[in-house]
Every structure is written in C-alpha cells, then in structure tokens.
Amino acid sequence: MILVDWQIEDRIRRGQIGIDPYEPSLIQPNSLDIRLGDHFVWYEPGDDVIDPYEKGSVTAQVQEQHADSIVMQPGAFILAETLEAVALPDNVVASIEGKSSIARLGIELHQTGGWIDAGFRGSITLEMCNVNQRPVKMYAGMPVGQLVFYTTERADKPYNLKKDAKYMDQRQATLSRYHENERNGCLKE
C-alpha cells in the first residue's frame, strides 16, 4: 500500500520514518518532496575503462565539490546527494521519482537506483543526467524529486541488518561500491 499525506506525516511525527531535516510543507498527496544537497561527484572524460570489480578504476579520475549550485552540461552524468537523510523501518520501502517540472528541463534524477530498502538509513545518492540539448543549472536546496513510501510485511533481514549493506549511513554522494561484491558467477576472461 502506498502511504498518503496524513500517513506519511503521522509516521514521521511518531519517528517510524526518519527524515532529517524535515520540512512538513514538502509532503504531497502521495509522496514527500526531497531536495538536492550540495555534494556533487562526477567522472572526468577519458578512455580508461571502469571495471566494477576494481576499486581503483571506480575511484580514478573523479572530481567532487560542495557547491550552492552546479551547471549540468548536455549529456553530463553526476552523482549528487539529497539534502534529506532517510531512515526506514523494517516494514516500509521507498522509491525515488523525479519531479515532472525538473524532468521537463531534461534532468533525469536516477538511472536505475531508485529503490530504498526497508531498514536503510542515510542520504540518497542521485544518479543525475542531463538529456537536454542545453546546460541546466541546479541549486542545492531545490526540490528535485519525491519519495513514495510503501508498507510491506516486516523484512526478516532489513538493509540495516545485512552484513553487506554497502551504503548504510552514507551522508554524501557515494561512488559505486560494487567492487565489494564477490565475483561469483561471472565469466572469466
């Protein structure tokens, strides 16, 4: 079941869903608006292959900055943090969706990582891309997306109890930690 405005507000007020900082005016009929933080990370252009199993290649040729705004060039891919940190109980999951006003500027908010598991705590890393033909300026603090909350049965092993919860308690735009996975089942070169 998708939570509606009064359910979202009630669960936040009672501490069942954590949102920090919390701004009640961001509650929508079926979601909670989330705002862009001020930490941005991107890869420098180049020909070096990024190997998801090699930490060095994942973290090489990366730029980052804290800024009040950033101009996203056409075709740019940037990781960004949400201003809000989220804490979900073991029976609530969330999905992140873009705001249509931002999408109409050509900004995609997430590529495929739009699911937040029950038990997750931390800020959300946005996988932003500009598919417009023109640069778009994005400001820290502006609402860019919305969290849709779903109630579920209680998870037996929520994210906070997983031994391989790679992004637990993250507080800024975070590069992939795929290299922490075992390489089982992959074809060897």
N, C-alpha and C. Protein backbone atom coordinates (compact mmCIF):
# COMPACT_ATOMS: atom_id res chain seq x y z
N MET A 1 0.84 -1.18 0.00
CA MET A 1 0.00 0.00 0.00
C MET A 1 0.89 1.25 0.00
N ILE A 2 0.57 2.19 -0.86
CA ILE A 2 1.28 3.47 -0.90
C ILE A 2 0.74 4.36 0.22
N LEU A 3 1.64 4.96 0.98
CA LEU A 3 1.22 5.87 2.05
C LEU A 3 0.76 7.19 1.45
N VAL A 4 -0.29 7.76 2.04
CA VAL A 4 -0.80 9.07 1.62
C VAL A 4 -0.32 10.13 2.61
N ASP A 5 -0.61 11.38 2.29
CA ASP A 5 -0.06 12.52 3.03
C ASP A 5 -0.17 12.40 4.55
N TRP A 6 -1.37 12.13 5.07
CA TRP A 6 -1.54 12.10 6.52
C TRP A 6 -0.80 10.91 7.15
N GLN A 7 -0.67 9.80 6.40
CA GLN A 7 0.07 8.65 6.91
C GLN A 7 1.57 8.94 6.94
N ILE A 8 2.07 9.61 5.90
CA ILE A 8 3.49 9.99 5.88
C ILE A 8 3.79 10.92 7.05
N GLU A 9 2.96 11.95 7.21
CA GLU A 9 3.17 12.90 8.30
C GLU A 9 3.10 12.22 9.66
N ASP A 10 2.13 11.34 9.86
CA ASP A 10 1.97 10.64 11.12
C ASP A 10 3.19 9.76 11.43
N ARG A 11 3.69 9.04 10.44
CA ARG A 11 4.83 8.14 10.67
C ARG A 11 6.12 8.93 10.92
N ILE A 12 6.26 10.07 10.28
CA ILE A 12 7.42 10.92 10.56
C ILE A 12 7.32 11.49 11.96
N ARG A 13 6.15 12.02 12.31
CA ARG A 13 5.95 12.62 13.63
C ARG A 13 6.20 11.62 14.75
N ARG A 14 5.78 10.36 14.53
CA ARG A 14 5.97 9.32 15.56
C ARG A 14 7.35 8.67 15.51
N GLY A 15 8.20 9.08 14.56
CA GLY A 15 9.56 8.56 14.48
C GLY A 15 9.68 7.22 13.78
N GLN A 16 8.62 6.75 13.14
CA GLN A 16 8.70 5.47 12.42
C GLN A 16 9.44 5.62 11.11
N ILE A 17 9.29 6.78 10.47
CA ILE A 17 10.08 7.14 9.29
C ILE A 17 10.90 8.36 9.69
N GLY A 18 12.21 8.28 9.48
CA GLY A 18 13.08 9.40 9.80
C GLY A 18 13.38 10.23 8.57
N ILE A 19 13.20 11.54 8.67
CA ILE A 19 13.55 12.48 7.62
C ILE A 19 14.28 13.64 8.30
N ASP A 20 15.54 13.89 7.90
CA ASP A 20 16.33 14.94 8.54
C ASP A 20 17.14 15.69 7.49
N PRO A 21 16.89 16.99 7.32
CA PRO A 21 15.91 17.81 8.02
C PRO A 21 14.50 17.56 7.47
N TYR A 22 13.53 17.76 8.34
CA TYR A 22 12.14 17.54 7.96
C TYR A 22 11.44 18.87 7.79
N GLU A 23 10.80 19.04 6.66
CA GLU A 23 10.03 20.24 6.34
C GLU A 23 8.61 19.79 5.97
N PRO A 24 7.63 19.98 6.88
CA PRO A 24 6.26 19.50 6.62
C PRO A 24 5.65 19.98 5.31
N SER A 25 6.03 21.16 4.84
CA SER A 25 5.44 21.68 3.60
C SER A 25 5.84 20.85 2.37
N LEU A 26 6.80 19.95 2.50
CA LEU A 26 7.24 19.12 1.37
C LEU A 26 6.37 17.88 1.18
N ILE A 27 5.42 17.64 2.10
CA ILE A 27 4.53 16.49 1.95
C ILE A 27 3.53 16.77 0.83
N GLN A 28 3.43 15.82 -0.09
CA GLN A 28 2.50 15.87 -1.22
C GLN A 28 1.39 14.84 -0.97
N PRO A 29 0.36 14.77 -1.79
CA PRO A 29 -0.73 13.81 -1.55
C PRO A 29 -0.26 12.36 -1.41
N ASN A 30 0.74 11.93 -2.17
CA ASN A 30 1.18 10.54 -2.14
C ASN A 30 2.69 10.41 -2.05
N SER A 31 3.38 11.46 -1.62
CA SER A 31 4.85 11.41 -1.58
C SER A 31 5.39 12.52 -0.70
N LEU A 32 6.71 12.53 -0.58
CA LEU A 32 7.43 13.58 0.13
C LEU A 32 8.49 14.12 -0.81
N ASP A 33 8.45 15.42 -1.09
CA ASP A 33 9.48 16.02 -1.92
C ASP A 33 10.83 15.92 -1.22
N ILE A 34 11.86 15.67 -2.01
CA ILE A 34 13.22 15.68 -1.48
C ILE A 34 14.01 16.73 -2.24
N ARG A 35 15.00 17.29 -1.54
CA ARG A 35 15.76 18.40 -2.09
C ARG A 35 17.19 17.97 -2.42
N LEU A 36 17.78 18.70 -3.34
CA LEU A 36 19.15 18.46 -3.75
C LEU A 36 20.10 18.96 -2.67
N GLY A 37 21.08 18.12 -2.33
CA GLY A 37 22.12 18.53 -1.39
C GLY A 37 23.19 19.35 -2.10
N ASP A 38 24.33 19.53 -1.44
CA ASP A 38 25.38 20.38 -2.01
C ASP A 38 26.66 19.62 -2.35
N HIS A 39 26.61 18.28 -2.38
CA HIS A 39 27.79 17.48 -2.71
C HIS A 39 27.58 16.81 -4.06
N PHE A 40 28.53 17.02 -4.97
CA PHE A 40 28.44 16.51 -6.33
C PHE A 40 29.72 15.76 -6.69
N VAL A 41 29.58 14.64 -7.40
CA VAL A 41 30.72 13.82 -7.82
C VAL A 41 30.51 13.45 -9.29
N TRP A 42 31.59 13.50 -10.08
CA TRP A 42 31.48 13.10 -11.49
C TRP A 42 32.82 12.57 -11.98
N TYR A 43 32.74 11.79 -13.05
CA TYR A 43 33.93 11.24 -13.69
C TYR A 43 34.45 12.22 -14.72
N GLU A 44 35.78 12.38 -14.75
CA GLU A 44 36.41 13.17 -15.80
C GLU A 44 36.31 12.41 -17.11
N PRO A 45 36.19 13.12 -18.22
CA PRO A 45 36.18 12.42 -19.52
C PRO A 45 37.49 11.67 -19.73
N GLY A 46 37.41 10.53 -20.37
CA GLY A 46 38.62 9.76 -20.64
C GLY A 46 38.27 8.43 -21.27
N ASP A 47 39.31 7.69 -21.63
CA ASP A 47 39.14 6.40 -22.29
C ASP A 47 39.40 5.22 -21.36
N ASP A 48 39.84 5.47 -20.13
CA ASP A 48 40.11 4.38 -19.20
C ASP A 48 38.80 3.68 -18.85
N VAL A 49 38.84 2.36 -18.92
CA VAL A 49 37.66 1.54 -18.63
C VAL A 49 37.43 1.49 -17.12
N ILE A 50 36.18 1.63 -16.73
CA ILE A 50 35.82 1.45 -15.32
C ILE A 50 35.41 0.00 -15.15
N ASP A 51 36.14 -0.72 -14.31
CA ASP A 51 35.84 -2.11 -14.01
C ASP A 51 35.13 -2.15 -12.66
N PRO A 52 33.86 -2.54 -12.61
CA PRO A 52 33.11 -2.51 -11.35
C PRO A 52 33.73 -3.35 -10.24
N TYR A 53 34.58 -4.34 -10.59
CA TYR A 53 35.21 -5.19 -9.58
C TYR A 53 36.55 -4.64 -9.09
N GLU A 54 37.03 -3.55 -9.68
CA GLU A 54 38.31 -2.97 -9.28
C GLU A 54 38.09 -1.58 -8.70
N LYS A 55 38.27 -1.48 -7.38
CA LYS A 55 38.03 -0.21 -6.69
C LYS A 55 38.85 0.92 -7.30
N GLY A 56 40.09 0.65 -7.65
CA GLY A 56 40.94 1.69 -8.20
C GLY A 56 40.38 2.31 -9.46
N SER A 57 39.78 1.50 -10.32
CA SER A 57 39.23 2.06 -11.56
C SER A 57 37.91 2.80 -11.30
N VAL A 58 37.18 2.37 -10.27
CA VAL A 58 35.92 3.04 -9.92
C VAL A 58 36.19 4.43 -9.33
N THR A 59 37.28 4.55 -8.59
CA THR A 59 37.56 5.81 -7.89
C THR A 59 38.56 6.70 -8.63
N ALA A 60 39.08 6.24 -9.78
CA ALA A 60 40.07 7.03 -10.52
C ALA A 60 39.39 8.10 -11.37
N GLN A 61 40.09 9.18 -11.57
CA GLN A 61 39.66 10.29 -12.43
C GLN A 61 38.26 10.79 -12.06
N VAL A 62 38.10 11.03 -10.77
CA VAL A 62 36.83 11.51 -10.22
C VAL A 62 37.03 12.92 -9.68
N GLN A 63 36.07 13.77 -9.91
CA GLN A 63 36.05 15.11 -9.34
C GLN A 63 34.87 15.20 -8.38
N GLU A 64 35.01 16.04 -7.36
CA GLU A 64 33.89 16.27 -6.46
C GLU A 64 33.95 17.70 -5.95
N GLN A 65 32.81 18.20 -5.56
CA GLN A 65 32.76 19.53 -4.99
C GLN A 65 31.51 19.71 -4.14
N HIS A 66 31.64 20.59 -3.17
CA HIS A 66 30.50 21.09 -2.41
C HIS A 66 30.20 22.47 -3.00
N ALA A 67 28.96 22.70 -3.39
CA ALA A 67 28.62 23.97 -4.03
C ALA A 67 27.15 24.29 -3.82
N ASP A 68 26.82 25.57 -3.92
CA ASP A 68 25.43 26.01 -3.82
C ASP A 68 24.65 25.71 -5.08
N SER A 69 25.38 25.52 -6.20
CA SER A 69 24.72 25.18 -7.46
C SER A 69 25.74 24.49 -8.36
N ILE A 70 25.21 23.85 -9.40
CA ILE A 70 26.07 23.21 -10.39
C ILE A 70 25.37 23.30 -11.73
N VAL A 71 26.15 23.55 -12.78
CA VAL A 71 25.60 23.59 -14.13
C VAL A 71 25.85 22.23 -14.76
N MET A 72 24.76 21.56 -15.14
CA MET A 72 24.87 20.25 -15.79
C MET A 72 24.88 20.46 -17.30
N GLN A 73 25.98 20.10 -17.91
CA GLN A 73 26.11 20.22 -19.36
C GLN A 73 25.30 19.12 -20.05
N PRO A 74 24.93 19.31 -21.32
CA PRO A 74 24.23 18.25 -22.04
C PRO A 74 25.03 16.94 -22.01
N GLY A 75 24.36 15.86 -21.70
CA GLY A 75 25.00 14.55 -21.62
C GLY A 75 25.74 14.29 -20.33
N ALA A 76 25.79 15.25 -19.42
CA ALA A 76 26.53 15.09 -18.17
C ALA A 76 25.87 14.04 -17.27
N PHE A 77 26.72 13.29 -16.58
CA PHE A 77 26.28 12.34 -15.56
C PHE A 77 26.95 12.75 -14.26
N ILE A 78 26.13 13.03 -13.24
CA ILE A 78 26.64 13.50 -11.96
C ILE A 78 25.95 12.74 -10.84
N LEU A 79 26.74 12.34 -9.85
CA LEU A 79 26.17 11.81 -8.62
C LEU A 79 25.97 12.99 -7.67
N ALA A 80 24.84 13.02 -7.01
CA ALA A 80 24.55 14.10 -6.08
C ALA A 80 23.86 13.51 -4.86
N GLU A 81 23.97 14.20 -3.76
CA GLU A 81 23.30 13.74 -2.54
C GLU A 81 21.97 14.44 -2.38
N THR A 82 21.09 13.83 -1.62
CA THR A 82 19.88 14.52 -1.21
C THR A 82 20.19 15.31 0.05
N LEU A 83 19.51 16.42 0.21
CA LEU A 83 19.64 17.20 1.44
C LEU A 83 19.13 16.37 2.62
N GLU A 84 18.03 15.67 2.39
CA GLU A 84 17.42 14.87 3.46
C GLU A 84 18.12 13.53 3.62
N ALA A 85 18.34 13.15 4.86
CA ALA A 85 18.71 11.78 5.19
C ALA A 85 17.42 11.06 5.58
N VAL A 86 17.34 9.78 5.23
CA VAL A 86 16.13 8.99 5.42
C VAL A 86 16.46 7.82 6.34
N ALA A 87 15.52 7.44 7.17
CA ALA A 87 15.64 6.22 7.98
C ALA A 87 14.31 5.48 7.87
N LEU A 88 14.36 4.26 7.31
CA LEU A 88 13.14 3.47 7.11
C LEU A 88 13.09 2.31 8.09
N PRO A 89 11.89 2.00 8.60
CA PRO A 89 11.74 0.82 9.46
C PRO A 89 11.76 -0.45 8.61
N ASP A 90 11.58 -1.59 9.26
CA ASP A 90 11.66 -2.87 8.56
C ASP A 90 10.40 -3.24 7.78
N ASN A 91 9.40 -2.36 7.79
CA ASN A 91 8.17 -2.65 7.04
C ASN A 91 7.74 -1.50 6.11
N VAL A 92 8.68 -0.64 5.77
CA VAL A 92 8.42 0.44 4.81
C VAL A 92 9.58 0.50 3.82
N VAL A 93 9.25 0.54 2.53
CA VAL A 93 10.24 0.76 1.48
C VAL A 93 9.86 2.05 0.78
N ALA A 94 10.79 2.59 0.01
CA ALA A 94 10.51 3.83 -0.71
C ALA A 94 11.10 3.74 -2.11
N SER A 95 10.48 4.47 -3.02
CA SER A 95 11.07 4.64 -4.35
C SER A 95 11.24 6.13 -4.57
N ILE A 96 12.27 6.47 -5.32
CA ILE A 96 12.51 7.87 -5.63
C ILE A 96 12.07 8.12 -7.06
N GLU A 97 11.30 9.15 -7.22
CA GLU A 97 10.78 9.52 -8.53
C GLU A 97 11.16 10.97 -8.79
N GLY A 98 11.39 11.31 -10.03
CA GLY A 98 11.70 12.68 -10.39
C GLY A 98 10.46 13.55 -10.35
N LYS A 99 10.66 14.84 -10.13
CA LYS A 99 9.55 15.79 -10.24
C LYS A 99 9.39 16.14 -11.70
N SER A 100 8.16 16.23 -12.16
CA SER A 100 7.92 16.47 -13.58
C SER A 100 8.48 17.82 -14.03
N SER A 101 8.46 18.82 -13.17
CA SER A 101 8.99 20.13 -13.54
C SER A 101 10.49 20.07 -13.82
N ILE A 102 11.21 19.21 -13.10
CA ILE A 102 12.65 19.03 -13.31
C ILE A 102 12.88 18.17 -14.55
N ALA A 103 12.05 17.13 -14.73
CA ALA A 103 12.17 16.27 -15.90
C ALA A 103 11.93 17.06 -17.19
N ARG A 104 11.06 18.04 -17.13
CA ARG A 104 10.75 18.85 -18.32
C ARG A 104 11.90 19.76 -18.72
N LEU A 105 12.89 19.87 -17.84
CA LEU A 105 14.12 20.60 -18.17
C LEU A 105 15.16 19.65 -18.77
N GLY A 106 14.86 18.34 -18.77
CA GLY A 106 15.79 17.36 -19.32
C GLY A 106 16.64 16.68 -18.27
N ILE A 107 16.34 16.88 -17.00
CA ILE A 107 17.15 16.28 -15.92
C ILE A 107 16.49 14.99 -15.46
N GLU A 108 17.22 13.89 -15.63
CA GLU A 108 16.80 12.60 -15.08
C GLU A 108 17.42 12.47 -13.70
N LEU A 109 16.63 12.05 -12.75
CA LEU A 109 17.06 12.02 -11.36
C LEU A 109 17.78 10.75 -10.97
N HIS A 110 17.35 9.64 -11.50
CA HIS A 110 18.01 8.38 -11.20
C HIS A 110 18.00 7.51 -12.44
N GLN A 111 19.05 6.74 -12.60
CA GLN A 111 19.16 5.87 -13.76
C GLN A 111 18.42 4.56 -13.51
N THR A 112 18.84 3.81 -12.51
CA THR A 112 18.13 2.59 -12.13
C THR A 112 18.09 2.41 -10.62
N GLY A 113 18.80 3.22 -9.88
CA GLY A 113 18.91 3.03 -8.43
C GLY A 113 17.86 3.76 -7.65
N GLY A 114 16.60 3.62 -8.01
CA GLY A 114 15.54 4.38 -7.37
C GLY A 114 14.80 3.67 -6.26
N TRP A 115 15.34 2.57 -5.75
CA TRP A 115 14.67 1.80 -4.72
C TRP A 115 15.42 1.93 -3.40
N ILE A 116 14.70 2.19 -2.31
CA ILE A 116 15.30 2.28 -0.98
C ILE A 116 14.70 1.19 -0.12
N ASP A 117 15.54 0.26 0.30
CA ASP A 117 15.09 -0.91 1.05
C ASP A 117 14.65 -0.57 2.46
N ALA A 118 13.76 -1.42 2.99
CA ALA A 118 13.39 -1.35 4.40
C ALA A 118 14.66 -1.45 5.23
N GLY A 119 14.77 -0.62 6.25
CA GLY A 119 15.93 -0.64 7.13
C GLY A 119 17.06 0.28 6.70
N PHE A 120 16.95 0.93 5.54
CA PHE A 120 18.01 1.84 5.08
C PHE A 120 18.05 3.10 5.93
N ARG A 121 19.27 3.60 6.17
CA ARG A 121 19.49 4.89 6.81
C ARG A 121 20.57 5.63 6.03
N GLY A 122 20.34 6.91 5.78
CA GLY A 122 21.35 7.74 5.15
C GLY A 122 20.75 8.68 4.13
N SER A 123 21.63 9.49 3.55
CA SER A 123 21.18 10.32 2.43
C SER A 123 21.13 9.44 1.19
N ILE A 124 20.45 9.89 0.19
CA ILE A 124 20.28 9.10 -1.04
C ILE A 124 21.21 9.69 -2.10
N THR A 125 21.94 8.82 -2.78
CA THR A 125 22.76 9.27 -3.89
C THR A 125 21.91 9.27 -5.15
N LEU A 126 21.81 10.44 -5.77
CA LEU A 126 21.06 10.61 -7.00
C LEU A 126 22.00 10.38 -8.18
N GLU A 127 21.52 9.72 -9.21
CA GLU A 127 22.29 9.44 -10.43
C GLU A 127 21.73 10.34 -11.52
N MET A 128 22.17 11.59 -11.54
CA MET A 128 21.55 12.61 -12.38
C MET A 128 22.20 12.68 -13.76
N CYS A 129 21.36 12.90 -14.76
CA CYS A 129 21.82 13.02 -16.14
C CYS A 129 21.04 14.14 -16.82
N ASN A 130 21.74 14.93 -17.64
CA ASN A 130 21.08 15.98 -18.41
C ASN A 130 20.92 15.49 -19.85
N VAL A 131 19.69 15.21 -20.25
CA VAL A 131 19.42 14.76 -21.62
C VAL A 131 18.93 15.92 -22.49
N ASN A 132 18.97 17.13 -21.97
CA ASN A 132 18.60 18.31 -22.72
C ASN A 132 19.73 18.67 -23.69
N GLN A 133 19.43 19.49 -24.68
CA GLN A 133 20.44 19.99 -25.62
C GLN A 133 21.18 21.20 -25.05
N ARG A 134 20.69 21.72 -23.92
CA ARG A 134 21.28 22.91 -23.31
C ARG A 134 21.67 22.63 -21.87
N PRO A 135 22.65 23.38 -21.35
CA PRO A 135 23.03 23.24 -19.94
C PRO A 135 21.86 23.62 -19.03
N VAL A 136 21.82 23.01 -17.86
CA VAL A 136 20.77 23.29 -16.87
C VAL A 136 21.45 23.53 -15.53
N LYS A 137 21.10 24.63 -14.87
CA LYS A 137 21.67 24.95 -13.55
C LYS A 137 20.78 24.36 -12.47
N MET A 138 21.40 23.64 -11.56
CA MET A 138 20.69 23.01 -10.45
C MET A 138 21.20 23.62 -9.14
N TYR A 139 20.29 23.89 -8.21
CA TYR A 139 20.63 24.56 -6.96
C TYR A 139 20.47 23.63 -5.77
N ALA A 140 21.44 23.66 -4.87
CA ALA A 140 21.31 22.94 -3.61
C ALA A 140 20.10 23.49 -2.87
N GLY A 141 19.29 22.60 -2.33
CA GLY A 141 18.10 23.00 -1.60
C GLY A 141 16.82 23.01 -2.41
N MET A 142 16.94 22.89 -3.74
CA MET A 142 15.72 22.91 -4.56
C MET A 142 15.07 21.52 -4.55
N PRO A 143 13.74 21.43 -4.46
CA PRO A 143 13.08 20.13 -4.58
C PRO A 143 13.31 19.57 -5.99
N VAL A 144 13.85 18.35 -6.05
CA VAL A 144 14.15 17.73 -7.34
C VAL A 144 13.43 16.41 -7.55
N GLY A 145 12.97 15.81 -6.48
CA GLY A 145 12.34 14.50 -6.59
C GLY A 145 11.34 14.29 -5.48
N GLN A 146 10.81 13.07 -5.47
CA GLN A 146 9.83 12.74 -4.43
C GLN A 146 10.01 11.28 -4.03
N LEU A 147 9.85 11.05 -2.74
CA LEU A 147 9.88 9.69 -2.21
C LEU A 147 8.45 9.19 -2.08
N VAL A 148 8.21 8.02 -2.63
CA VAL A 148 6.93 7.34 -2.49
C VAL A 148 7.16 6.20 -1.50
N PHE A 149 6.38 6.15 -0.44
CA PHE A 149 6.55 5.15 0.61
C PHE A 149 5.50 4.05 0.46
N TYR A 150 5.95 2.81 0.64
CA TYR A 150 5.08 1.64 0.54
C TYR A 150 5.21 0.83 1.84
N THR A 151 4.07 0.39 2.37
CA THR A 151 4.14 -0.52 3.51
C THR A 151 4.25 -1.95 2.99
N THR A 152 4.96 -2.76 3.72
CA THR A 152 5.18 -4.16 3.35
C THR A 152 5.07 -5.01 4.61
N GLU A 153 5.16 -6.29 4.42
CA GLU A 153 5.35 -7.16 5.59
C GLU A 153 6.73 -6.82 6.17
N ARG A 154 6.96 -7.16 7.41
CA ARG A 154 8.25 -6.89 8.03
C ARG A 154 9.33 -7.75 7.37
N ALA A 155 10.41 -7.11 6.97
CA ALA A 155 11.53 -7.82 6.36
C ALA A 155 12.24 -8.65 7.43
N ASP A 156 12.59 -9.87 7.09
CA ASP A 156 13.33 -10.73 8.00
C ASP A 156 14.75 -10.20 8.20
N LYS A 157 15.35 -9.73 7.11
CA LYS A 157 16.70 -9.16 7.17
C LYS A 157 16.68 -7.80 6.47
N PRO A 158 16.20 -6.75 7.17
CA PRO A 158 16.19 -5.42 6.54
C PRO A 158 17.61 -4.95 6.25
N TYR A 159 17.72 -3.92 5.46
CA TYR A 159 19.01 -3.43 4.99
C TYR A 159 20.00 -3.19 6.13
N ASN A 160 19.53 -2.62 7.23
CA ASN A 160 20.43 -2.31 8.34
C ASN A 160 20.98 -3.55 9.03
N LEU A 161 20.42 -4.74 8.78
CA LEU A 161 20.92 -5.97 9.39
C LEU A 161 21.74 -6.82 8.41
N LYS A 162 21.84 -6.39 7.16
CA LYS A 162 22.62 -7.13 6.18
C LYS A 162 24.11 -6.89 6.43
N LYS A 163 24.90 -7.96 6.37
CA LYS A 163 26.34 -7.79 6.58
C LYS A 163 27.00 -7.07 5.41
N ASP A 164 26.38 -7.08 4.25
CA ASP A 164 26.96 -6.42 3.07
C ASP A 164 26.18 -5.15 2.68
N ALA A 165 25.68 -4.43 3.67
CA ALA A 165 24.94 -3.18 3.41
C ALA A 165 25.95 -2.07 3.12
N LYS A 166 26.35 -1.97 1.88
CA LYS A 166 27.45 -1.11 1.46
C LYS A 166 27.19 0.39 1.62
N TYR A 167 25.94 0.79 1.61
CA TYR A 167 25.63 2.22 1.59
C TYR A 167 24.93 2.68 2.88
N MET A 168 24.95 1.84 3.90
CA MET A 168 24.30 2.18 5.16
C MET A 168 24.96 3.42 5.77
N ASP A 169 24.15 4.37 6.19
CA ASP A 169 24.57 5.60 6.86
C ASP A 169 25.41 6.52 5.97
N GLN A 170 25.33 6.37 4.64
CA GLN A 170 26.06 7.30 3.77
C GLN A 170 25.51 8.70 3.97
N ARG A 171 26.38 9.71 3.86
CA ARG A 171 25.97 11.08 4.09
C ARG A 171 26.44 12.03 2.99
N GLN A 172 26.77 11.50 1.84
CA GLN A 172 27.12 12.34 0.71
C GLN A 172 26.98 11.52 -0.57
N ALA A 173 27.17 12.16 -1.71
CA ALA A 173 27.12 11.43 -2.97
C ALA A 173 28.21 10.36 -2.91
N THR A 174 27.82 9.12 -3.16
CA THR A 174 28.72 7.98 -2.94
C THR A 174 28.93 7.22 -4.23
N LEU A 175 30.20 7.02 -4.59
CA LEU A 175 30.54 6.22 -5.76
C LEU A 175 30.09 4.78 -5.56
N SER A 176 30.04 4.03 -6.65
CA SER A 176 29.69 2.62 -6.59
C SER A 176 30.64 1.86 -5.69
N ARG A 177 30.10 0.97 -4.91
CA ARG A 177 30.90 0.05 -4.08
C ARG A 177 30.71 -1.39 -4.55
N TYR A 178 30.40 -1.54 -5.84
CA TYR A 178 30.18 -2.86 -6.42
C TYR A 178 31.40 -3.75 -6.23
N HIS A 179 32.57 -3.16 -6.20
CA HIS A 179 33.81 -3.92 -6.05
C HIS A 179 33.86 -4.72 -4.74
N GLU A 180 32.98 -4.40 -3.79
CA GLU A 180 32.92 -5.15 -2.53
C GLU A 180 32.19 -6.48 -2.70
N ASN A 181 31.54 -6.68 -3.84
CA ASN A 181 30.85 -7.95 -4.12
C ASN A 181 31.87 -9.01 -4.55
N GLU A 182 31.54 -10.27 -4.26
CA GLU A 182 32.34 -11.36 -4.80
C GLU A 182 32.02 -11.52 -6.27
N ARG A 183 32.97 -12.01 -7.01
CA ARG A 183 32.81 -12.13 -8.45
C ARG A 183 32.28 -13.51 -8.83
N ASN A 184 31.44 -14.11 -8.03
CA ASN A 184 30.86 -15.43 -8.33
C ASN A 184 29.94 -15.35 -9.53
N GLY A 185 29.98 -16.37 -10.35
CA GLY A 185 29.05 -16.47 -11.45
C GLY A 185 29.42 -15.69 -12.69
N CYS A 186 30.48 -14.88 -12.64
CA CYS A 186 30.89 -14.10 -13.81
C CYS A 186 31.83 -14.94 -14.67
N LEU A 187 31.73 -14.75 -15.95
CA LEU A 187 32.64 -15.44 -16.86
C LEU A 187 34.03 -14.88 -16.69
N LYS A 188 35.01 -15.74 -16.66
CA LYS A 188 36.41 -15.30 -16.53
C LYS A 188 36.94 -14.94 -17.90
N GLU A 189 37.77 -13.94 -17.93
CA GLU A 189 38.36 -13.50 -19.20
C GLU A 189 39.51 -14.40 -19.59
